[in-house]
């Protein structure tokens, strides 16, 4: 799943943020650590989405 998200264009990648959050939460609640790659990707996608949101704001 992470590879598919990585290959997607930016807007499509951002659509996967809720899915990644649920996956990480489900693993954490079951006592298993979430993969560090998934956590890193989630952080990166959240940062990219926030930056893209502000890139389109007029100054």
PDB file of N, CA and C in Angstrom:
ATOM      1  N   UNK A   1       0.814  -1.184   0.000  1.00  0.00           N
ATOM      2  CA  UNK A   1       0.000   0.000   0.000  1.00  0.00           C
ATOM      3  C   UNK A   1       0.866   1.260   0.000  1.00  0.00           C
ATOM      4  N   UNK A   2       1.937   1.259   0.775  1.00  0.00           N
ATOM      5  CA  UNK A   2       2.789   2.444   0.864  1.00  0.00           C
ATOM      6  C   UNK A   2       3.426   2.776  -0.478  1.00  0.00           C
ATOM      7  N   UNK A   3       3.825   1.753  -1.225  1.00  0.00           N
ATOM      8  CA  UNK A   3       4.420   1.992  -2.539  1.00  0.00           C
ATOM      9  C   UNK A   3       3.407   2.590  -3.499  1.00  0.00           C
ATOM     10  N   UNK A   4       2.167   2.122  -3.437  1.00  0.00           N
ATOM     11  CA  UNK A   4       1.117   2.646  -4.310  1.00  0.00           C
ATOM     12  C   UNK A   4       0.859   4.119  -3.985  1.00  0.00           C
ATOM     13  N   UNK A   5       0.836   4.452  -2.712  1.00  0.00           N
ATOM     14  CA  UNK A   5       0.625   5.844  -2.310  1.00  0.00           C
ATOM     15  C   UNK A   5       1.793   6.703  -2.788  1.00  0.00           C
ATOM     16  N   UNK A   6       2.996   6.197  -2.638  1.00  0.00           N
ATOM     17  CA  UNK A   6       4.196   6.942  -3.018  1.00  0.00           C
ATOM     18  C   UNK A   6       4.201   7.279  -4.510  1.00  0.00           C
ATOM     19  N   UNK A   7       3.707   6.382  -5.338  1.00  0.00           N
ATOM     20  CA  UNK A   7       3.707   6.589  -6.791  1.00  0.00           C
ATOM     21  C   UNK A   7       2.574   7.486  -7.274  1.00  0.00           C
ATOM     22  N   UNK A   8       1.579   7.714  -6.458  1.00  0.00           N
ATOM     23  CA  UNK A   8       0.410   8.505  -6.864  1.00  0.00           C
ATOM     24  C   UNK A   8       0.774   9.988  -6.940  1.00  0.00           C
ATOM     25  N   UNK A   9       0.049  10.750  -7.780  1.00  0.00           N
ATOM     26  CA  UNK A   9       0.272  12.199  -7.811  1.00  0.00           C
ATOM     27  C   UNK A   9      -0.150  12.832  -6.483  1.00  0.00           C
ATOM     28  N   UNK A  10       0.358  14.021  -6.221  1.00  0.00           N
ATOM     29  CA  UNK A  10       0.164  14.677  -4.918  1.00  0.00           C
ATOM     30  C   UNK A  10      -1.276  14.684  -4.419  1.00  0.00           C
ATOM     31  N   UNK A  11      -2.250  15.183  -5.173  1.00  0.00           N
ATOM     32  CA  UNK A  11      -3.618  15.216  -4.618  1.00  0.00           C
ATOM     33  C   UNK A  11      -4.146  13.826  -4.252  1.00  0.00           C
ATOM     34  N   UNK A  12      -3.795  12.833  -5.028  1.00  0.00           N
ATOM     35  CA  UNK A  12      -4.248  11.469  -4.729  1.00  0.00           C
ATOM     36  C   UNK A  12      -3.557  10.934  -3.482  1.00  0.00           C
ATOM     37  N   UNK A  13      -2.295  11.303  -3.279  1.00  0.00           N
ATOM     38  CA  UNK A  13      -1.584  10.858  -2.068  1.00  0.00           C
ATOM     39  C   UNK A  13      -2.261  11.416  -0.824  1.00  0.00           C
ATOM     40  N   UNK A  14      -2.682  12.669  -0.877  1.00  0.00           N
ATOM     41  CA  UNK A  14      -3.297  13.295   0.287  1.00  0.00           C
ATOM     42  C   UNK A  14      -4.611  12.619   0.656  1.00  0.00           C
ATOM     43  N   UNK A  15      -5.279  12.042  -0.317  1.00  0.00           N
ATOM     44  CA  UNK A  15      -6.544  11.347  -0.050  1.00  0.00           C
ATOM     45  C   UNK A  15      -6.327  10.106   0.810  1.00  0.00           C
ATOM     46  N   UNK A  16      -5.098   9.613   0.880  1.00  0.00           N
ATOM     47  CA  UNK A  16      -4.787   8.417   1.664  1.00  0.00           C
ATOM     48  C   UNK A  16      -4.440   8.727   3.117  1.00  0.00           C
ATOM     49  N   UNK A  17      -4.370   9.988   3.488  1.00  0.00           N
ATOM     50  CA  UNK A  17      -4.021  10.353   4.864  1.00  0.00           C
ATOM     51  C   UNK A  17      -4.964   9.703   5.874  1.00  0.00           C
ATOM     52  N   UNK A  18      -6.293   9.772   5.695  1.00  0.00           N
ATOM     53  CA  UNK A  18      -7.180   9.118   6.672  1.00  0.00           C
ATOM     54  C   UNK A  18      -6.965   7.605   6.759  1.00  0.00           C
ATOM     55  N   UNK A  19      -6.682   6.972   5.632  1.00  0.00           N
ATOM     56  CA  UNK A  19      -6.444   5.528   5.626  1.00  0.00           C
ATOM     57  C   UNK A  19      -5.192   5.189   6.424  1.00  0.00           C
ATOM     58  N   UNK A  20      -4.137   5.951   6.212  1.00  0.00           N
ATOM     59  CA  UNK A  20      -2.903   5.723   6.969  1.00  0.00           C
ATOM     60  C   UNK A  20      -3.131   5.940   8.463  1.00  0.00           C
ATOM     61  N   UNK A  21      -3.873   6.979   8.805  1.00  0.00           N
ATOM     62  CA  UNK A  21      -4.164   7.232  10.226  1.00  0.00           C
ATOM     63  C   UNK A  21      -4.900   6.053  10.849  1.00  0.00           C
ATOM     64  N   UNK A  22      -5.909   5.539  10.137  1.00  0.00           N
ATOM     65  CA  UNK A  22      -6.675   4.396  10.664  1.00  0.00           C
ATOM     66  C   UNK A  22      -5.796   3.155  10.799  1.00  0.00           C
ATOM     67  N   UNK A  23      -4.949   2.909   9.804  1.00  0.00           N
ATOM     68  CA  UNK A  23      -4.073   1.745   9.840  1.00  0.00           C
ATOM     69  C   UNK A  23      -3.124   1.827  11.039  1.00  0.00           C
ATOM     70  N   UNK A  24      -2.520   2.982  11.240  1.00  0.00           N
ATOM     71  CA  UNK A  24      -1.590   3.169  12.352  1.00  0.00           C
ATOM     72  C   UNK A  24      -2.320   3.037  13.683  1.00  0.00           C
ATOM     73  N   UNK A  25      -3.503   3.629  13.789  1.00  0.00           N
ATOM     74  CA  UNK A  25      -4.287   3.546  15.025  1.00  0.00           C
ATOM     75  C   UNK A  25      -4.706   2.115  15.319  1.00  0.00           C
ATOM     76  N   UNK A  26      -5.104   1.373  14.295  1.00  0.00           N
ATOM     77  CA  UNK A  26      -5.533  -0.013  14.490  1.00  0.00           C
ATOM     78  C   UNK A  26      -4.380  -0.870  14.989  1.00  0.00           C
ATOM     79  N   UNK A  27      -3.210  -0.690  14.418  1.00  0.00           N
ATOM     80  CA  UNK A  27      -2.069  -1.482  14.867  1.00  0.00           C
ATOM     81  C   UNK A  27      -1.671  -1.098  16.285  1.00  0.00           C
ATOM     82  N   UNK A  28      -1.694   0.175  16.572  1.00  0.00           N
ATOM     83  CA  UNK A  28      -1.330   0.627  17.922  1.00  0.00           C
ATOM     84  C   UNK A  28      -2.313   0.109  18.963  1.00  0.00           C
ATOM     85  N   UNK A  29      -3.607   0.143  18.638  1.00  0.00           N
ATOM     86  CA  UNK A  29      -4.613  -0.305  19.605  1.00  0.00           C
ATOM     87  C   UNK A  29      -4.576  -1.812  19.810  1.00  0.00           C
ATOM     88  N   UNK A  30      -4.034  -2.546  18.838  1.00  0.00           N
ATOM     89  CA  UNK A  30      -3.929  -3.992  18.999  1.00  0.00           C
ATOM     90  C   UNK A  30      -2.620  -4.387  19.682  1.00  0.00           C
ATOM     91  N   UNK A  31      -1.825  -3.382  20.068  1.00  0.00           N
ATOM     92  CA  UNK A  31      -0.591  -3.667  20.788  1.00  0.00           C
ATOM     93  C   UNK A  31       0.621  -3.851  19.901  1.00  0.00           C
ATOM     94  N   UNK A  32       0.436  -3.720  18.598  1.00  0.00           N
ATOM     95  CA  UNK A  32       1.555  -3.860  17.671  1.00  0.00           C
ATOM     96  C   UNK A  32       2.053  -2.474  17.284  1.00  0.00           C
ATOM     97  N   UNK A  33       3.351  -2.307  17.190  1.00  0.00           N
ATOM     98  CA  UNK A  33       3.852  -1.006  16.749  1.00  0.00           C
ATOM     99  C   UNK A  33       3.561  -0.816  15.259  1.00  0.00           C
ATOM    100  N   UNK A  34       3.167   0.377  14.898  1.00  0.00           N
ATOM    101  CA  UNK A  34       2.928   0.676  13.485  1.00  0.00           C
ATOM    102  C   UNK A  34       4.273   0.740  12.776  1.00  0.00           C
ATOM    103  N   UNK A  35       4.332   0.295  11.536  1.00  0.00           N
ATOM    104  CA  UNK A  35       5.600   0.351  10.800  1.00  0.00           C
ATOM    105  C   UNK A  35       6.129   1.785  10.735  1.00  0.00           C
ATOM    106  N   UNK A  36       7.419   1.929  10.953  1.00  0.00           N
ATOM    107  CA  UNK A  36       8.005   3.271  10.946  1.00  0.00           C
ATOM    108  C   UNK A  36       7.864   3.919   9.574  1.00  0.00           C
ATOM    109  N   UNK A  37       7.839   3.103   8.499  1.00  0.00           N
ATOM    110  CA  UNK A  37       7.658   3.662   7.160  1.00  0.00           C
ATOM    111  C   UNK A  37       6.282   4.303   7.029  1.00  0.00           C
ATOM    112  N   UNK A  38       5.269   3.683   7.611  1.00  0.00           N
ATOM    113  CA  UNK A  38       3.908   4.224   7.548  1.00  0.00           C
ATOM    114  C   UNK A  38       3.815   5.514   8.349  1.00  0.00           C
ATOM    115  N   UNK A  39       4.414   5.542   9.527  1.00  0.00           N
ATOM    116  CA  UNK A  39       4.386   6.762  10.341  1.00  0.00           C
ATOM    117  C   UNK A  39       5.130   7.899   9.647  1.00  0.00           C
ATOM    118  N   UNK A  40       6.277   7.578   9.049  1.00  0.00           N
ATOM    119  CA  UNK A  40       7.059   8.598   8.345  1.00  0.00           C
ATOM    120  C   UNK A  40       6.296   9.123   7.134  1.00  0.00           C
ATOM    121  N   UNK A  41       5.648   8.222   6.397  1.00  0.00           N
ATOM    122  CA  UNK A  41       4.883   8.653   5.237  1.00  0.00           C
ATOM    123  C   UNK A  41       3.718   9.536   5.659  1.00  0.00           C
ATOM    124  N   UNK A  42       3.043   9.178   6.739  1.00  0.00           N
ATOM    125  CA  UNK A  42       1.925   9.984   7.223  1.00  0.00           C
ATOM    126  C   UNK A  42       2.398  11.390   7.582  1.00  0.00           C
ATOM    127  N   UNK A  43       3.499  11.497   8.306  1.00  0.00           N
ATOM    128  CA  UNK A  43       4.043  12.819   8.658  1.00  0.00           C
ATOM    129  C   UNK A  43       4.371  13.625   7.406  1.00  0.00           C
ATOM    130  N   UNK A  44       5.027  12.968   6.453  1.00  0.00           N
ATOM    131  CA  UNK A  44       5.420  13.652   5.222  1.00  0.00           C
ATOM    132  C   UNK A  44       4.198  14.124   4.429  1.00  0.00           C
ATOM    133  N   UNK A  45       3.189  13.260   4.306  1.00  0.00           N
ATOM    134  CA  UNK A  45       1.982  13.635   3.571  1.00  0.00           C
ATOM    135  C   UNK A  45       1.245  14.783   4.252  1.00  0.00           C
ATOM    136  N   UNK A  46       1.170  14.737   5.582  1.00  0.00           N
ATOM    137  CA  UNK A  46       0.505  15.824   6.308  1.00  0.00           C
ATOM    138  C   UNK A  46       1.241  17.147   6.104  1.00  0.00           C
ATOM    139  N   UNK A  47       2.572  17.103   6.127  1.00  0.00           N
ATOM    140  CA  UNK A  47       3.358  18.318   5.909  1.00  0.00           C
ATOM    141  C   UNK A  47       3.181  18.840   4.489  1.00  0.00           C
ATOM    142  N   UNK A  48       3.226  17.928   3.499  1.00  0.00           N
ATOM    143  CA  UNK A  48       3.046  18.327   2.102  1.00  0.00           C
ATOM    144  C   UNK A  48       1.664  18.933   1.883  1.00  0.00           C
ATOM    145  N   UNK A  49       0.649  18.314   2.452  1.00  0.00           N
ATOM    146  CA  UNK A  49      -0.720  18.811   2.284  1.00  0.00           C
ATOM    147  C   UNK A  49      -0.853  20.207   2.885  1.00  0.00           C
ATOM    148  N   UNK A  50      -0.256  20.424   4.045  1.00  0.00           N
ATOM    149  CA  UNK A  50      -0.315  21.746   4.678  1.00  0.00           C
ATOM    150  C   UNK A  50       0.426  22.780   3.838  1.00  0.00           C
ATOM    151  N   UNK A  51       1.589  22.426   3.321  1.00  0.00           N
ATOM    152  CA  UNK A  51       2.349  23.350   2.480  1.00  0.00           C
ATOM    153  C   UNK A  51       1.585  23.680   1.209  1.00  0.00           C
ATOM    154  N   UNK A  52       0.988  22.679   0.584  1.00  0.00           N
ATOM    155  CA  UNK A  52       0.212  22.918  -0.636  1.00  0.00           C
ATOM    156  C   UNK A  52      -0.971  23.835  -0.365  1.00  0.00           C
ATOM    157  N   UNK A  53      -1.582  23.691   0.789  1.00  0.00           N
ATOM    158  CA  UNK A  53      -2.718  24.533   1.130  1.00  0.00           C
ATOM    159  C   UNK A  53      -2.284  26.003   1.203  1.00  0.00           C
ATOM    160  N   UNK A  54      -1.116  26.259   1.784  1.00  0.00           N
ATOM    161  CA  UNK A  54      -0.648  27.629   1.930  1.00  0.00           C
ATOM    162  C   UNK A  54      -0.007  28.166   0.654  1.00  0.00           C
ATOM    163  N   UNK A  55       0.457  27.294  -0.244  1.00  0.00           N
ATOM    164  CA  UNK A  55       1.030  27.743  -1.510  1.00  0.00           C
ATOM    165  C   UNK A  55       0.000  28.466  -2.363  1.00  0.00           C
ATOM    166  N   UNK A  56      -1.251  28.120  -2.222  1.00  0.00           N
ATOM    167  CA  UNK A  56      -2.297  28.707  -3.054  1.00  0.00           C
ATOM    168  C   UNK A  56      -2.961  29.924  -2.425  1.00  0.00           C
ATOM    169  N   UNK A  57      -2.492  30.353  -1.263  1.00  0.00           N
ATOM    170  CA  UNK A  57      -3.085  31.519  -0.604  1.00  0.00           C
ATOM    171  C   UNK A  57      -2.445  32.798  -1.138  1.00  0.00           C
ATOM    172  N   UNK A  58      -3.265  33.813  -1.395  1.00  0.00           N
ATOM    173  CA  UNK A  58      -2.679  35.093  -1.832  1.00  0.00           C
ATOM    174  C   UNK A  58      -1.941  35.761  -0.677  1.00  0.00           C
ATOM    175  N   UNK A  59      -0.947  36.513  -1.039  1.00  0.00           N
ATOM    176  CA  UNK A  59      -0.136  37.192  -0.019  1.00  0.00           C
ATOM    177  C   UNK A  59      -0.642  38.587   0.217  1.00  0.00           C
TER     178      UNK A  59
END
